[in-house]
């Protein structure tokens, strides 16, 4: 086994910049609209939970939430005032055979509900994603103010500040422009729908063999880190083996399952990726 790696979360196995870049990339992707979200107005009496919602980030970098008018709880909220909220986002693993949450993001903040005129302006100026616009068109829209969020993923629990999210937003806009104008391709991570292409890449056995990469990490042929280990009982046969738990701009998160345990690992790319061709090239460079 690679003597430099630990089968427990080990931030010394990779440089702090690599760890931080991965956590920031994952947090930002979740906020752009990945996964399913729930908004809890935790100071209301009784507590209000809004689940008929979608979330995203505007072009200018604000986190927003659109709530369907059909949500049974929204009518009981006073939308003329700011609401103290908890926003929770869960992202499932791309492998549909696994019922696994790949990452979650949680934050406490304030929902500033837009007036009708503000909402119309926001809908007309191209600030919102198609998904958020669709719900906000007949529902309610709020801008979320927060100081920090907590990312829960195989690397543990990592705090990410709102300022860091803003900086990542600026970097991602640059990535999008570079992909479109320099590579003549679309940025796979610019919105949740395009990430399906990234999933297609990591599940294509002609491009990537997750088991080979995991073995390479285990025996020292690849640089990376094991991020967690959990005992299992009665793991289903179809879930055993190695699969890709997540892919982002900075690397691959792998999941190994056998009859007794589950082990997660992270393998970083040499450079941030944006397009399909960059992702395929980055995976090819991981072969040993």
Protein backbone atom coordinates (compact mmCIF):
# COMPACT_ATOMS: atom_id res chain seq x y z
CA UNK A 1 0.00 0.00 0.00
CA UNK A 2 1.14 3.56 -0.67
CA UNK A 3 2.92 4.51 2.59
CA UNK A 4 2.15 8.23 2.12
CA UNK A 5 -1.62 7.70 2.31
CA UNK A 6 -3.99 7.05 5.17
CA UNK A 7 -7.35 5.30 5.09
CA UNK A 8 -8.73 8.14 7.17
CA UNK A 9 -9.23 11.83 6.28
CA UNK A 10 -5.68 13.13 5.98
CA UNK A 11 -5.15 16.72 4.91
CA UNK A 12 -1.38 16.19 4.79
CA UNK A 13 -1.60 13.73 1.88
CA UNK A 14 -2.25 16.64 -0.51
CA UNK A 15 -1.32 20.30 -0.39
CA UNK A 16 -3.74 22.68 1.40
CA UNK A 17 -4.37 24.46 -1.91
CA UNK A 18 -5.59 21.23 -3.52
CA UNK A 19 -7.92 20.42 -0.62
CA UNK A 20 -9.25 23.97 -0.49
CA UNK A 21 -9.73 24.16 -4.25
CA UNK A 22 -11.73 20.94 -4.27
CA UNK A 23 -13.99 21.99 -1.38
CA UNK A 24 -14.58 25.43 -2.89
CA UNK A 25 -15.33 23.98 -6.31
CA UNK A 26 -17.81 21.49 -4.84
CA UNK A 27 -19.52 24.12 -2.67
CA UNK A 28 -19.92 26.48 -5.60
CA UNK A 29 -21.32 23.76 -7.86
CA UNK A 30 -23.94 22.89 -5.25
CA UNK A 31 -25.00 26.51 -4.96
CA UNK A 32 -25.35 26.91 -8.74
CA UNK A 33 -28.29 24.52 -8.73
CA UNK A 34 -27.05 20.96 -8.33
CA UNK A 35 -29.02 18.59 -6.15
CA UNK A 36 -32.21 19.10 -4.19
CA UNK A 37 -32.71 21.90 -1.70
CA UNK A 38 -34.89 22.65 1.31
CA UNK A 39 -35.41 26.07 2.88
CA UNK A 40 -36.35 26.18 6.56
CA UNK A 41 -37.68 29.35 8.20
CA UNK A 42 -36.44 28.21 11.59
CA UNK A 43 -37.48 31.25 13.64
CA UNK A 44 -41.13 31.09 12.59
CA UNK A 45 -43.74 29.74 15.01
CA UNK A 46 -44.40 27.09 13.99
CA UNK A 47 -41.28 26.36 11.96
CA UNK A 48 -41.85 26.52 8.17
CA UNK A 49 -40.19 24.12 5.72
CA UNK A 50 -40.27 25.03 2.03
CA UNK A 51 -39.46 22.10 -0.24
CA UNK A 52 -41.00 23.11 -3.59
CA UNK A 53 -37.95 25.22 -4.41
CA UNK A 54 -35.01 25.54 -6.76
CA UNK A 55 -31.79 27.42 -6.09
CA UNK A 56 -28.99 28.97 -8.09
CA UNK A 57 -26.48 31.79 -8.46
CA UNK A 58 -27.18 34.89 -10.53
CA UNK A 59 -24.80 36.16 -13.18
CA UNK A 60 -23.70 38.85 -10.71
CA UNK A 61 -22.93 36.22 -8.05
CA UNK A 62 -25.92 36.33 -5.67
CA UNK A 63 -27.34 33.09 -4.27
CA UNK A 64 -31.08 32.98 -4.97
CA UNK A 65 -33.99 30.67 -4.19
CA UNK A 66 -37.23 30.44 -6.15
CA UNK A 67 -40.24 29.03 -4.30
CA UNK A 68 -43.26 27.66 -6.10
CA UNK A 69 -46.55 29.36 -5.31
CA UNK A 70 -47.92 25.85 -4.81
CA UNK A 71 -45.69 25.19 -1.79
CA UNK A 72 -48.15 24.72 1.09
CA UNK A 73 -45.97 26.66 3.56
CA UNK A 74 -45.13 29.77 1.56
CA UNK A 75 -48.54 31.38 1.93
CA UNK A 76 -48.06 31.52 5.71
CA UNK A 77 -44.84 33.55 5.45
CA UNK A 78 -44.76 37.34 5.49
CA UNK A 79 -42.80 37.97 2.29
CA UNK A 80 -42.64 41.71 2.92
CA UNK A 81 -39.93 41.18 5.54
CA UNK A 82 -36.61 39.37 5.72
CA UNK A 83 -36.79 35.75 6.86
CA UNK A 84 -34.10 33.94 8.87
CA UNK A 85 -33.47 30.68 7.02
CA UNK A 86 -31.47 27.49 6.87
CA UNK A 87 -30.71 26.31 3.33
CA UNK A 88 -29.75 22.65 2.86
CA UNK A 89 -28.63 21.16 -0.48
CA UNK A 90 -28.02 17.44 -1.12
CA UNK A 91 -26.34 16.08 -4.25
CA UNK A 92 -26.66 12.38 -5.09
CA UNK A 93 -23.90 10.28 -6.62
CA UNK A 94 -24.03 10.06 -10.44
CA UNK A 95 -24.24 6.26 -10.28
CA UNK A 96 -27.99 5.59 -10.19
CA UNK A 97 -27.42 2.11 -8.73
CA UNK A 98 -26.07 3.70 -5.54
CA UNK A 99 -28.31 5.50 -3.08
CA UNK A 100 -25.52 7.75 -1.81
CA UNK A 101 -25.37 11.47 -1.09
CA UNK A 102 -22.08 12.62 -2.64
CA UNK A 103 -22.07 16.03 -0.92
CA UNK A 104 -24.28 18.34 1.12
CA UNK A 105 -24.14 22.06 1.80
CA UNK A 106 -25.78 23.82 4.73
CA UNK A 107 -25.94 27.51 5.57
CA UNK A 108 -27.73 29.89 7.90
CA UNK A 109 -28.70 33.23 6.43
CA UNK A 110 -31.43 35.67 5.57
CA UNK A 111 -33.89 35.46 2.69
CA UNK A 112 -34.60 38.89 1.21
CA UNK A 113 -37.82 38.43 -0.74
CA UNK A 114 -38.00 40.46 -3.93
CA UNK A 115 -40.98 42.69 -4.64
CA UNK A 116 -43.05 42.05 -7.75
CA UNK A 117 -41.26 44.80 -9.67
CA UNK A 118 -37.82 43.59 -8.54
CA UNK A 119 -38.72 40.06 -9.55
CA UNK A 120 -39.89 41.13 -13.01
CA UNK A 121 -36.66 43.05 -13.52
CA UNK A 122 -34.58 40.06 -12.40
CA UNK A 123 -36.46 37.77 -14.77
CA UNK A 124 -35.99 40.11 -17.73
CA UNK A 125 -32.30 40.96 -17.40
CA UNK A 126 -30.85 37.47 -17.87
CA UNK A 127 -29.50 37.14 -14.33
CA UNK A 128 -31.23 33.83 -13.55
CA UNK A 129 -30.75 30.29 -14.78
CA UNK A 130 -33.58 28.78 -16.84
CA UNK A 131 -34.56 26.49 -13.96
CA UNK A 132 -34.81 29.30 -11.41
CA UNK A 133 -36.60 31.58 -13.90
CA UNK A 134 -39.23 28.92 -14.61
CA UNK A 135 -40.22 28.60 -10.96
CA UNK A 136 -39.85 32.30 -10.13
CA UNK A 137 -42.07 33.28 -13.07
CA UNK A 138 -45.16 32.12 -11.21
CA UNK A 139 -43.74 31.93 -7.70
CA UNK A 140 -41.55 33.89 -5.29
CA UNK A 141 -37.88 34.82 -5.47
CA UNK A 142 -35.45 35.57 -2.65
CA UNK A 143 -31.84 36.64 -2.50
CA UNK A 144 -29.95 34.72 0.18
CA UNK A 145 -27.50 36.63 2.37
CA UNK A 146 -25.02 34.51 4.35
CA UNK A 147 -21.55 34.70 5.85
CA UNK A 148 -20.43 31.10 5.49
CA UNK A 149 -21.60 27.62 4.51
CA UNK A 150 -20.61 24.15 5.68
CA UNK A 151 -19.74 21.52 3.09
CA UNK A 152 -20.30 17.90 4.19
CA UNK A 153 -18.60 15.42 1.87
CA UNK A 154 -16.14 12.49 1.98
CA UNK A 155 -13.38 14.91 3.03
CA UNK A 156 -15.29 15.79 6.22
CA UNK A 157 -16.91 19.10 7.16
CA UNK A 158 -15.36 22.20 5.60
CA UNK A 159 -16.40 25.83 6.18
CA UNK A 160 -16.55 28.04 3.10
CA UNK A 161 -17.14 31.80 3.35
CA UNK A 162 -19.41 33.91 1.16
CA UNK A 163 -16.35 35.90 0.02
CA UNK A 164 -14.68 32.69 -1.15
CA UNK A 165 -17.82 31.75 -3.08
CA UNK A 166 -17.73 35.19 -4.76
CA UNK A 167 -14.09 34.66 -5.74
CA UNK A 168 -14.89 31.19 -7.12
CA UNK A 169 -17.78 32.72 -9.08
CA UNK A 170 -15.38 35.16 -10.75
CA UNK A 171 -12.96 32.32 -11.59
CA UNK A 172 -15.78 30.23 -13.05
CA UNK A 173 -16.94 33.10 -15.26
CA UNK A 174 -13.37 33.30 -16.58
CA UNK A 175 -13.42 29.52 -17.14
CA UNK A 176 -16.66 29.84 -19.11
CA UNK A 177 -15.30 32.62 -21.32
CA UNK A 178 -12.06 30.74 -21.94
CA UNK A 179 -13.93 27.55 -22.83
CA UNK A 180 -16.24 29.30 -25.28
CA UNK A 181 -13.86 31.75 -26.96
CA UNK A 182 -10.56 29.84 -26.75
CA UNK A 183 -11.60 26.18 -26.90
CA UNK A 184 -14.89 26.73 -28.78
CA UNK A 185 -16.57 24.38 -26.30
CA UNK A 186 -19.04 24.82 -23.47
CA UNK A 187 -18.00 24.78 -19.84
CA UNK A 188 -19.31 21.52 -18.37
CA UNK A 189 -19.64 23.04 -14.90
CA UNK A 190 -21.44 26.26 -15.84
CA UNK A 191 -24.85 24.76 -15.03
CA UNK A 192 -26.23 21.48 -13.62
CA UNK A 193 -27.62 20.24 -16.95
CA UNK A 194 -24.23 20.35 -18.67
CA UNK A 195 -22.66 18.29 -15.89
CA UNK A 196 -24.47 15.28 -17.32
CA UNK A 197 -21.76 15.33 -19.98
CA UNK A 198 -19.10 15.09 -17.27
CA UNK A 199 -20.97 12.13 -15.80
CA UNK A 200 -21.01 10.48 -19.23
CA UNK A 201 -17.23 10.86 -19.42
CA UNK A 202 -16.46 9.28 -16.04
CA UNK A 203 -18.89 6.40 -16.64
CA UNK A 204 -17.47 5.60 -20.09
CA UNK A 205 -15.23 2.55 -19.58
CA UNK A 206 -13.30 3.38 -22.76
CA UNK A 207 -12.17 6.66 -21.16
CA UNK A 208 -11.82 5.81 -17.48
CA UNK A 209 -11.52 2.67 -15.34
CA UNK A 210 -12.31 3.73 -11.78
CA UNK A 211 -10.94 0.48 -10.34
CA UNK A 212 -7.57 1.00 -12.04
CA UNK A 213 -7.34 4.53 -10.67
CA UNK A 214 -8.24 3.34 -7.18
CA UNK A 215 -5.57 0.64 -7.34
CA UNK A 216 -3.08 3.19 -8.60
CA UNK A 217 -3.78 5.35 -5.58
CA UNK A 218 -3.64 2.37 -3.23
CA UNK A 219 -0.23 1.21 -4.45
CA UNK A 220 1.40 4.58 -4.91
CA UNK A 221 1.19 5.05 -8.68
CA UNK A 222 -1.12 8.04 -8.38
CA UNK A 223 -1.09 11.12 -6.23
CA UNK A 224 -4.17 11.53 -4.06
CA UNK A 225 -5.70 10.81 -0.68
CA UNK A 226 -8.08 8.41 0.99
CA UNK A 227 -10.74 10.56 2.61
CA UNK A 228 -12.84 8.17 4.67
CA UNK A 229 -13.64 4.60 5.64
CA UNK A 230 -16.90 3.15 6.93
CA UNK A 231 -17.83 -0.38 8.00
CA UNK A 232 -20.73 -1.94 6.11
CA UNK A 233 -23.07 -4.81 6.77
CA UNK A 234 -24.84 -6.76 4.02
CA UNK A 235 -23.76 -4.52 1.14
CA UNK A 236 -25.70 -5.39 -2.01
CA UNK A 237 -23.69 -7.31 -4.59
CA UNK A 238 -24.56 -4.87 -7.39
CA UNK A 239 -23.07 -1.97 -5.42
CA UNK A 240 -19.66 -3.58 -4.85
CA UNK A 241 -16.59 -2.40 -6.70
CA UNK A 242 -15.22 1.05 -7.51
CA UNK A 243 -17.28 3.89 -8.96
CA UNK A 244 -16.94 7.63 -9.39
CA UNK A 245 -18.78 9.37 -6.57
CA UNK A 246 -18.23 12.85 -7.99
CA UNK A 247 -16.26 14.79 -10.60
CA UNK A 248 -15.52 18.51 -10.49
CA UNK A 249 -13.05 20.98 -11.95
CA UNK A 250 -10.29 19.82 -9.62
CA UNK A 251 -10.45 16.02 -9.62
CA UNK A 252 -12.31 12.75 -9.08
CA UNK A 253 -13.87 11.38 -5.91
CA UNK A 254 -13.92 7.57 -5.97
CA UNK A 255 -15.95 5.14 -3.87
CA UNK A 256 -14.87 1.55 -3.20
CA UNK A 257 -17.41 -0.87 -1.71
CA UNK A 258 -16.95 -4.50 -0.72
CA UNK A 259 -18.87 -6.81 1.60
CA UNK A 260 -17.34 -5.22 4.73
CA UNK A 261 -16.50 -1.56 4.12
CA UNK A 262 -16.77 1.56 1.99
CA UNK A 263 -13.68 3.67 1.26
CA UNK A 264 -13.66 7.06 -0.44
CA UNK A 265 -10.68 8.65 -2.13
CA UNK A 266 -9.83 11.83 -4.03
CA UNK A 267 -7.55 11.96 -7.07
CA UNK A 268 -6.69 15.51 -8.17
CA UNK A 269 -6.16 16.72 -11.73
CA UNK A 270 -2.95 18.52 -12.62
CA UNK A 271 -5.01 21.59 -13.62
CA UNK A 272 -8.59 22.84 -13.37
CA UNK A 273 -10.82 21.54 -16.17
CA UNK A 274 -13.80 23.14 -17.88
CA UNK A 275 -14.59 21.41 -21.15
CA UNK A 276 -15.15 17.80 -22.15
CA UNK A 277 -11.84 17.65 -23.99
CA UNK A 278 -9.99 19.02 -20.95
CA UNK A 279 -11.69 16.46 -18.70
CA UNK A 280 -10.81 13.56 -21.01
CA UNK A 281 -7.20 14.76 -21.23
CA UNK A 282 -6.96 15.17 -17.45
CA UNK A 283 -8.22 11.61 -16.89
CA UNK A 284 -5.79 10.25 -19.50
CA UNK A 285 -2.90 11.90 -17.64
CA UNK A 286 -3.87 9.97 -14.50
CA UNK A 287 -3.01 6.60 -16.07
CA UNK A 288 0.19 5.03 -14.74
